N, C-alpha and C. Protein backbone atom coordinates (compact mmCIF):
# COMPACT_ATOMS: atom_id res chain seq x y z
N ARG A 1 55.95 66.63 -154.60
CA ARG A 1 56.33 65.23 -154.51
C ARG A 1 56.41 64.58 -155.89
N SER A 2 55.35 64.72 -156.66
CA SER A 2 55.31 64.02 -157.95
C SER A 2 56.32 64.57 -158.94
N SER A 3 56.73 65.85 -158.79
CA SER A 3 57.70 66.40 -159.74
C SER A 3 59.04 65.68 -159.62
N GLY A 4 59.44 65.29 -158.42
CA GLY A 4 60.67 64.53 -158.24
C GLY A 4 60.57 63.15 -158.87
N GLU A 5 59.40 62.55 -158.75
CA GLU A 5 59.18 61.23 -159.34
C GLU A 5 59.16 61.31 -160.86
N ALA A 6 58.67 62.40 -161.41
CA ALA A 6 58.59 62.55 -162.86
C ALA A 6 59.98 62.66 -163.49
N ALA A 7 60.95 63.17 -162.73
CA ALA A 7 62.30 63.33 -163.26
C ALA A 7 63.02 61.98 -163.37
N SER A 8 62.66 61.03 -162.54
CA SER A 8 63.36 59.75 -162.53
C SER A 8 63.26 58.96 -163.84
N PRO A 9 62.09 58.82 -164.45
CA PRO A 9 62.04 58.06 -165.70
C PRO A 9 62.88 58.69 -166.80
N ALA A 10 62.93 60.01 -166.89
CA ALA A 10 63.74 60.68 -167.91
C ALA A 10 65.22 60.36 -167.69
N ALA A 11 65.64 60.39 -166.44
CA ALA A 11 67.04 60.09 -166.14
C ALA A 11 67.35 58.63 -166.48
N ALA A 12 66.43 57.75 -166.17
CA ALA A 12 66.64 56.33 -166.46
C ALA A 12 66.67 56.07 -167.96
N ALA A 13 66.02 56.95 -168.73
CA ALA A 13 65.97 56.76 -170.18
C ALA A 13 67.23 57.28 -170.88
N GLY A 14 68.20 57.78 -170.11
CA GLY A 14 69.44 58.22 -170.71
C GLY A 14 69.40 59.63 -171.25
N LYS A 15 68.61 60.49 -170.65
CA LYS A 15 68.49 61.86 -171.11
C LYS A 15 69.53 62.78 -170.49
N ALA A 16 70.37 62.25 -169.61
CA ALA A 16 71.35 63.09 -168.92
C ALA A 16 72.52 62.27 -168.41
N ALA A 17 73.62 62.97 -168.14
CA ALA A 17 74.78 62.35 -167.49
C ALA A 17 74.75 62.79 -166.03
N HIS A 18 74.89 61.84 -165.13
CA HIS A 18 74.80 62.10 -163.69
C HIS A 18 76.15 61.91 -163.01
N ALA A 19 76.31 62.56 -161.87
CA ALA A 19 77.53 62.40 -161.08
C ALA A 19 77.54 61.02 -160.44
N PRO A 20 78.54 60.20 -160.72
CA PRO A 20 78.60 58.87 -160.11
C PRO A 20 79.09 58.91 -158.67
N ILE A 21 79.71 60.04 -158.29
CA ILE A 21 80.24 60.23 -156.94
C ILE A 21 80.09 61.71 -156.57
N PRO A 22 80.07 62.01 -155.28
CA PRO A 22 80.07 63.42 -154.89
C PRO A 22 81.46 64.01 -155.12
N GLY A 23 81.53 65.29 -155.44
CA GLY A 23 82.83 65.92 -155.65
C GLY A 23 82.68 67.35 -156.13
N VAL A 24 83.77 67.88 -156.68
CA VAL A 24 83.81 69.25 -157.19
C VAL A 24 84.10 69.18 -158.68
N VAL A 25 83.33 69.92 -159.47
CA VAL A 25 83.56 69.96 -160.91
C VAL A 25 84.88 70.68 -161.17
N ASP A 26 85.81 69.99 -161.80
CA ASP A 26 87.11 70.56 -162.11
C ASP A 26 87.08 71.28 -163.45
N SER A 27 86.47 70.65 -164.46
CA SER A 27 86.38 71.26 -165.79
C SER A 27 85.24 70.61 -166.57
N VAL A 28 84.78 71.32 -167.59
CA VAL A 28 83.74 70.82 -168.49
C VAL A 28 84.34 70.82 -169.89
N ALA A 29 84.24 69.68 -170.59
CA ALA A 29 84.90 69.52 -171.88
C ALA A 29 83.98 69.67 -173.09
N VAL A 30 82.68 69.86 -172.86
CA VAL A 30 81.74 69.96 -173.97
C VAL A 30 80.89 71.22 -173.83
N ARG A 31 80.20 71.55 -174.93
CA ARG A 31 79.31 72.71 -174.94
C ARG A 31 77.97 72.30 -175.52
N PRO A 32 76.91 73.06 -175.24
CA PRO A 32 75.61 72.74 -175.85
C PRO A 32 75.73 72.68 -177.37
N GLY A 33 75.11 71.66 -177.95
CA GLY A 33 75.16 71.47 -179.39
C GLY A 33 76.23 70.49 -179.84
N ASP A 34 77.19 70.20 -178.95
CA ASP A 34 78.25 69.24 -179.30
C ASP A 34 77.66 67.84 -179.44
N GLU A 35 78.15 67.11 -180.45
CA GLU A 35 77.81 65.69 -180.61
C GLU A 35 78.86 64.91 -179.82
N VAL A 36 78.41 64.03 -178.94
CA VAL A 36 79.35 63.20 -178.17
C VAL A 36 79.14 61.74 -178.52
N THR A 37 80.21 60.96 -178.39
CA THR A 37 80.14 59.53 -178.66
C THR A 37 80.47 58.78 -177.37
N VAL A 38 80.15 57.51 -177.35
CA VAL A 38 80.39 56.67 -176.18
C VAL A 38 81.87 56.75 -175.79
N GLY A 39 82.12 57.04 -174.53
CA GLY A 39 83.48 57.10 -174.02
C GLY A 39 84.14 58.48 -174.09
N GLN A 40 83.49 59.42 -174.75
CA GLN A 40 84.06 60.77 -174.86
C GLN A 40 83.98 61.48 -173.52
N ALA A 41 85.04 62.23 -173.16
CA ALA A 41 85.07 62.97 -171.91
C ALA A 41 84.04 64.09 -171.93
N LEU A 42 83.24 64.18 -170.86
CA LEU A 42 82.25 65.24 -170.72
C LEU A 42 82.73 66.30 -169.74
N CYS A 43 83.24 65.83 -168.60
CA CYS A 43 83.73 66.74 -167.57
C CYS A 43 84.64 65.96 -166.62
N VAL A 44 85.28 66.69 -165.71
CA VAL A 44 86.16 66.08 -164.73
C VAL A 44 85.64 66.45 -163.34
N LEU A 45 85.47 65.44 -162.49
CA LEU A 45 85.08 65.64 -161.09
C LEU A 45 86.28 65.33 -160.21
N GLU A 46 86.52 66.18 -159.24
CA GLU A 46 87.58 65.91 -158.28
C GLU A 46 86.93 65.44 -156.98
N ALA A 47 87.37 64.28 -156.52
CA ALA A 47 86.84 63.71 -155.28
C ALA A 47 87.99 63.06 -154.54
N MET A 48 88.15 63.38 -153.29
CA MET A 48 89.23 62.84 -152.46
C MET A 48 90.59 63.01 -153.13
N LYS A 49 90.82 64.20 -153.69
CA LYS A 49 92.08 64.57 -154.34
C LYS A 49 92.41 63.76 -155.58
N MET A 50 91.41 63.09 -156.13
CA MET A 50 91.59 62.36 -157.39
C MET A 50 90.68 62.96 -158.44
N LYS A 51 91.19 63.09 -159.65
CA LYS A 51 90.39 63.61 -160.76
C LYS A 51 89.76 62.44 -161.50
N ASN A 52 88.44 62.49 -161.64
CA ASN A 52 87.68 61.42 -162.28
C ASN A 52 87.03 61.97 -163.55
N VAL A 53 87.41 61.41 -164.69
CA VAL A 53 86.83 61.84 -165.96
C VAL A 53 85.45 61.19 -166.11
N ILE A 54 84.45 62.02 -166.32
CA ILE A 54 83.09 61.52 -166.54
C ILE A 54 82.91 61.43 -168.05
N ARG A 55 82.59 60.24 -168.53
CA ARG A 55 82.51 59.99 -169.97
C ARG A 55 81.07 59.70 -170.41
N ALA A 56 80.80 60.00 -171.66
CA ALA A 56 79.47 59.75 -172.22
C ALA A 56 79.19 58.25 -172.27
N ALA A 57 78.01 57.87 -171.86
CA ALA A 57 77.61 56.46 -171.89
C ALA A 57 76.85 56.14 -173.17
N GLN A 58 76.64 57.15 -174.01
CA GLN A 58 75.87 56.97 -175.24
C GLN A 58 76.26 58.03 -176.25
N THR A 59 75.88 57.81 -177.49
CA THR A 59 76.04 58.82 -178.52
C THR A 59 74.84 59.74 -178.43
N ALA A 60 75.09 61.05 -178.33
CA ALA A 60 73.99 62.01 -178.14
C ALA A 60 74.46 63.42 -178.48
N THR A 61 73.53 64.35 -178.44
CA THR A 61 73.82 65.76 -178.61
C THR A 61 73.65 66.44 -177.27
N VAL A 62 74.64 67.23 -176.86
CA VAL A 62 74.58 67.94 -175.59
C VAL A 62 73.53 69.04 -175.70
N GLY A 63 72.62 69.07 -174.74
CA GLY A 63 71.57 70.09 -174.72
C GLY A 63 71.86 71.20 -173.74
N GLU A 64 72.24 70.83 -172.51
CA GLU A 64 72.45 71.83 -171.46
C GLU A 64 73.56 71.36 -170.53
N ILE A 65 74.43 72.29 -170.18
CA ILE A 65 75.46 72.03 -169.17
C ILE A 65 74.87 72.51 -167.84
N CYS A 66 74.75 71.62 -166.88
CA CYS A 66 74.07 71.96 -165.62
C CYS A 66 75.03 72.31 -164.49
N VAL A 67 76.33 72.27 -164.76
CA VAL A 67 77.33 72.54 -163.72
C VAL A 67 78.38 73.52 -164.26
N THR A 68 79.12 74.12 -163.33
CA THR A 68 80.22 75.00 -163.70
C THR A 68 81.45 74.59 -162.90
N PRO A 69 82.65 74.86 -163.42
CA PRO A 69 83.86 74.52 -162.66
C PRO A 69 83.83 75.16 -161.28
N GLY A 70 84.23 74.37 -160.28
CA GLY A 70 84.22 74.82 -158.89
C GLY A 70 82.95 74.45 -158.14
N GLN A 71 81.94 74.01 -158.86
CA GLN A 71 80.66 73.66 -158.23
C GLN A 71 80.74 72.31 -157.52
N HIS A 72 80.20 72.24 -156.32
CA HIS A 72 80.11 70.98 -155.59
C HIS A 72 78.87 70.23 -156.08
N VAL A 73 79.01 68.94 -156.31
CA VAL A 73 77.87 68.11 -156.72
C VAL A 73 77.74 66.92 -155.79
N LYS A 74 76.52 66.44 -155.67
CA LYS A 74 76.23 65.25 -154.87
C LYS A 74 76.11 64.06 -155.80
N HIS A 75 76.14 62.88 -155.22
CA HIS A 75 75.94 61.66 -156.00
C HIS A 75 74.62 61.75 -156.76
N ASN A 76 74.64 61.45 -158.03
CA ASN A 76 73.48 61.40 -158.92
C ASN A 76 72.96 62.76 -159.36
N ASP A 77 73.64 63.87 -159.02
CA ASP A 77 73.23 65.17 -159.55
C ASP A 77 73.39 65.16 -161.07
N VAL A 78 72.53 65.88 -161.76
CA VAL A 78 72.62 65.98 -163.22
C VAL A 78 73.78 66.91 -163.58
N LEU A 79 74.68 66.40 -164.43
CA LEU A 79 75.82 67.19 -164.89
C LEU A 79 75.53 67.80 -166.25
N ILE A 80 75.04 66.97 -167.16
CA ILE A 80 74.79 67.39 -168.54
C ILE A 80 73.50 66.74 -169.01
N LYS A 81 72.65 67.56 -169.65
CA LYS A 81 71.41 67.04 -170.24
C LYS A 81 71.62 66.90 -171.74
N TYR A 82 71.06 65.84 -172.29
CA TYR A 82 71.11 65.61 -173.72
C TYR A 82 69.84 66.11 -174.38
N VAL A 83 69.93 66.45 -175.66
CA VAL A 83 68.77 66.86 -176.45
C VAL A 83 67.95 65.61 -176.75
N ASP A 84 66.62 65.75 -176.66
CA ASP A 84 65.74 64.63 -177.02
C ASP A 84 65.90 64.34 -178.50
N SER A 85 66.02 63.06 -178.83
CA SER A 85 66.16 62.72 -180.24
C SER A 85 65.05 61.80 -180.69
């Protein structure tokens, strides 16, 4: 129980990019170690036959890619984790 609660503050602190909608990962545009800036494309989610570009909400360094093309994701699933700075 508490492990799920412990993940929430980290997510709220901007340590990761989350899926804003459920869908299928179409492509991933970044790799671990990449520096991203606000508005930069991270990945593309396809939902209801529309492609939605997921963009960085902050300047950060990509730490881990948590999804692969073709993977189904739910609302709020972690797509990309950032390195702690």
